[in-house]
Amino acid sequence: MESNTQVLMTEARLQRAFIKLMAQEGFDRLTVQKLTRIAGINRGTFYLHYLDKFDLLAHYEGELVQQVTEIFQRYTKPVRVTDTSPTRDAFWQFFQYAYRQRALLITLLQSPASSLMTQTKAVINQVVGVPLTKEMPTDFAQELISQGILDFIIFWLTRPEVLAPRAAYTIFVQSRTLSPQQLLTE
């Protein structure tokens, strides 16, 4: 029986191999054989934990969505933009988590094979709730909000020099209080 340390090391190697192959070849060309070879693990070990590459993809998506959901259930949304200690704020915690998981998160958010974008939007829509605007239909308002948040996260985490979570969070919170016109003017 494998020890917890061995299992964690195997999972880490497998995840690094998955991210590398997704970047090089995409999900369609990814095979269990290539994955296990690059991860340096036995195919039998892979099949002990996963049915196939689709099961592995679903596992990664499920893990990320579960963690994001737990963050938004455990912590409150920001109340004030001027709060200097956001440690109890859900979006602050989300930014911290996204930064730690950035390689896997970006790999899945940018992959056509992954449903992570759709799943994450659903979580964000639950957190944000129903916008109370009469200016546009609710579904359009929700899409603008959830897609805007995900676009911000993707933009932040794919920059050549990724900002620290606190700096990105500060920009994010400021952007939530400004109109597009205000963002474009001095």
Protein backbone atom coordinates (compact mmCIF):
# COMPACT_ATOMS: atom_id res chain seq x y z
CA MET A 1 0.00 0.00 0.00
CA GLU A 2 1.30 3.44 -0.95
CA SER A 3 1.98 5.95 1.79
CA ASN A 4 0.25 9.33 1.73
CA THR A 5 3.53 11.00 0.77
CA GLN A 6 3.96 8.65 -2.20
CA VAL A 7 0.37 9.22 -3.33
CA LEU A 8 0.80 13.00 -3.12
CA MET A 9 4.09 12.86 -5.02
CA THR A 10 2.53 10.66 -7.70
CA GLU A 11 -0.46 13.03 -8.00
CA ALA A 12 1.87 16.04 -8.30
CA ARG A 13 3.92 14.35 -11.05
CA LEU A 14 0.76 13.34 -12.86
CA GLN A 15 -0.65 16.86 -12.68
CA ARG A 16 2.60 18.41 -13.98
CA ALA A 17 2.62 15.91 -16.86
CA PHE A 18 -1.04 16.66 -17.60
CA ILE A 19 -0.39 20.42 -17.72
CA LYS A 20 2.68 19.94 -19.91
CA LEU A 21 0.91 17.69 -22.40
CA MET A 22 -2.15 19.90 -22.52
CA ALA A 23 0.08 22.86 -23.41
CA GLN A 24 2.06 20.92 -26.01
CA GLU A 25 -0.61 18.78 -27.64
CA GLY A 26 -4.05 19.59 -26.27
CA PHE A 27 -6.50 17.18 -24.71
CA ASP A 28 -7.44 15.35 -27.91
CA ARG A 29 -3.87 14.15 -28.52
CA LEU A 30 -3.13 13.44 -24.86
CA THR A 31 -2.92 9.73 -24.11
CA VAL A 32 -2.57 7.79 -20.88
CA GLN A 33 0.62 6.25 -22.26
CA LYS A 34 2.21 9.69 -22.85
CA LEU A 35 0.91 10.96 -19.54
CA THR A 36 2.33 8.10 -17.49
CA ARG A 37 5.63 8.16 -19.37
CA ILE A 38 6.16 11.89 -18.70
CA ALA A 39 4.94 11.55 -15.09
CA GLY A 40 7.28 8.62 -14.56
CA ILE A 41 4.56 6.39 -13.18
CA ASN A 42 3.26 2.95 -14.08
CA ARG A 43 0.11 2.77 -16.23
CA GLY A 44 -1.31 0.38 -13.66
CA THR A 45 -0.93 3.08 -11.01
CA PHE A 46 -2.84 5.50 -13.23
CA TYR A 47 -5.67 3.01 -13.81
CA LEU A 48 -5.82 2.27 -10.11
CA HIS A 49 -7.08 5.84 -9.59
CA TYR A 50 -8.64 6.87 -12.92
CA LEU A 51 -10.66 5.15 -15.64
CA ASP A 52 -9.13 7.16 -18.49
CA LYS A 53 -8.02 10.66 -19.44
CA PHE A 54 -11.63 11.90 -19.31
CA ASP A 55 -11.92 10.71 -15.72
CA LEU A 56 -8.68 12.54 -14.87
CA LEU A 57 -9.98 15.73 -16.51
CA ALA A 58 -13.26 15.42 -14.59
CA HIS A 59 -11.29 14.86 -11.37
CA TYR A 60 -9.27 18.06 -11.85
CA GLU A 61 -12.37 20.06 -12.78
CA GLY A 62 -14.32 18.69 -9.84
CA GLU A 63 -11.51 19.41 -7.40
CA LEU A 64 -11.17 23.03 -8.55
CA VAL A 65 -14.92 23.68 -8.56
CA GLN A 66 -15.30 22.09 -5.13
CA GLN A 67 -12.56 24.27 -3.65
CA VAL A 68 -13.94 27.46 -5.21
CA THR A 69 -17.45 26.58 -4.01
CA GLU A 70 -16.16 25.97 -0.48
CA ILE A 71 -14.33 29.30 -0.49
CA PHE A 72 -17.49 31.16 -1.45
CA GLN A 73 -19.54 29.26 1.11
CA ARG A 74 -17.06 29.80 3.91
CA TYR A 75 -16.17 33.46 3.37
CA THR A 76 -18.32 36.52 2.75
CA LYS A 77 -18.27 38.77 -0.30
CA PRO A 78 -16.44 42.09 0.16
CA VAL A 79 -18.59 44.74 1.76
CA ARG A 80 -16.32 47.75 1.46
CA VAL A 81 -13.75 48.53 -1.19
CA THR A 82 -11.50 50.26 1.35
CA ASP A 83 -11.07 47.20 3.57
CA THR A 84 -7.31 46.82 4.13
CA SER A 85 -7.48 43.36 5.70
CA PRO A 86 -9.44 41.19 3.26
CA THR A 87 -8.50 37.82 4.78
CA ARG A 88 -12.14 36.97 5.57
CA ASP A 89 -13.30 38.03 2.09
CA ALA A 90 -14.34 35.30 -0.39
CA PHE A 91 -12.79 36.97 -3.41
CA TRP A 92 -9.50 37.50 -1.56
CA GLN A 93 -9.44 33.80 -0.67
CA PHE A 94 -10.36 32.93 -4.27
CA PHE A 95 -7.46 35.02 -5.59
CA GLN A 96 -5.08 33.28 -3.19
CA TYR A 97 -6.32 29.85 -4.29
CA ALA A 98 -6.28 30.76 -8.01
CA TYR A 99 -2.68 31.95 -7.68
CA ARG A 100 -1.59 28.68 -6.03
CA GLN A 101 -3.42 26.60 -8.65
CA ARG A 102 -2.70 28.90 -11.60
CA ALA A 103 -1.06 26.35 -13.92
CA LEU A 104 -3.91 23.85 -13.71
CA LEU A 105 -6.59 26.54 -13.57
CA ILE A 106 -5.40 28.31 -16.72
CA THR A 107 -4.81 25.02 -18.54
CA LEU A 108 -8.42 23.99 -17.94
CA LEU A 109 -10.03 27.41 -18.42
CA GLN A 110 -8.36 27.70 -21.83
CA SER A 111 -9.04 24.13 -22.98
CA PRO A 112 -12.02 23.51 -25.28
CA ALA A 113 -12.24 19.99 -23.80
CA SER A 114 -12.83 21.30 -20.29
CA SER A 115 -16.14 22.40 -18.82
CA LEU A 116 -14.41 24.31 -16.02
CA MET A 117 -15.40 27.70 -17.47
CA THR A 118 -19.09 26.78 -17.44
CA GLN A 119 -18.90 25.21 -13.98
CA THR A 120 -17.04 28.19 -12.51
CA LYS A 121 -19.51 30.63 -14.05
CA ALA A 122 -22.32 28.76 -12.32
CA VAL A 123 -20.54 29.12 -8.96
CA ILE A 124 -19.92 32.84 -9.55
CA ASN A 125 -23.57 33.35 -10.56
CA GLN A 126 -24.67 31.72 -7.30
CA VAL A 127 -22.37 33.99 -5.32
CA VAL A 128 -23.29 37.17 -7.14
CA GLY A 129 -26.98 36.35 -7.20
CA VAL A 130 -29.53 37.90 -9.49
CA PRO A 131 -28.55 41.42 -10.60
CA LEU A 132 -31.27 43.92 -9.78
CA THR A 133 -31.06 46.02 -12.92
CA LYS A 134 -33.98 47.03 -15.06
CA GLU A 135 -31.61 48.19 -17.75
CA MET A 136 -31.06 44.72 -19.24
CA PRO A 137 -32.29 41.13 -18.96
CA THR A 138 -31.00 39.26 -15.89
CA ASP A 139 -29.21 36.54 -17.88
CA PHE A 140 -27.25 39.18 -19.82
CA ALA A 141 -26.27 40.97 -16.61
CA GLN A 142 -25.15 37.69 -14.99
CA GLU A 143 -23.11 36.78 -18.08
CA LEU A 144 -21.38 40.17 -18.08
CA ILE A 145 -20.49 39.82 -14.42
CA SER A 146 -19.36 36.18 -14.39
CA GLN A 147 -17.48 36.37 -17.69
CA GLY A 148 -15.87 39.62 -16.62
CA ILE A 149 -14.58 38.01 -13.43
CA LEU A 150 -13.23 34.97 -15.28
CA ASP A 151 -11.65 37.14 -17.99
CA PHE A 152 -9.95 39.17 -15.28
CA ILE A 153 -8.59 35.99 -13.64
CA ILE A 154 -7.33 34.62 -16.97
CA PHE A 155 -5.75 37.94 -17.91
CA TRP A 156 -4.07 38.20 -14.51
CA LEU A 157 -2.71 34.64 -14.45
CA THR A 158 -1.45 34.60 -18.06
CA ARG A 159 0.59 37.79 -17.88
CA PRO A 160 4.34 37.38 -18.47
CA GLU A 161 4.86 38.60 -14.91
CA VAL A 162 1.96 37.47 -12.73
CA LEU A 163 1.05 40.02 -10.07
CA ALA A 164 0.92 38.87 -6.48
CA PRO A 165 -2.62 38.00 -5.35
CA ARG A 166 -2.94 41.13 -3.18
CA ALA A 167 -2.11 43.45 -6.10
CA ALA A 168 -4.49 41.66 -8.46
CA TYR A 169 -7.22 41.62 -5.81
CA THR A 170 -6.84 45.34 -5.22
CA ILE A 171 -7.23 46.07 -8.94
CA PHE A 172 -10.18 43.68 -9.12
CA VAL A 173 -12.03 45.32 -6.22
CA GLN A 174 -11.38 48.78 -7.65
CA SER A 175 -12.69 47.67 -11.04
CA ARG A 176 -15.95 46.51 -9.46
CA THR A 177 -16.80 50.04 -8.38
CA LEU A 178 -15.93 51.87 -11.60
CA SER A 179 -17.99 52.15 -14.75
CA PRO A 180 -16.36 51.34 -18.12
CA GLN A 181 -16.22 55.09 -18.81
CA GLN A 182 -14.38 55.69 -15.54
CA LEU A 183 -11.91 52.91 -16.35
CA LEU A 184 -11.10 54.59 -19.68
CA THR A 185 -10.64 58.16 -18.46
CA GLU A 186 -8.04 59.83 -16.32
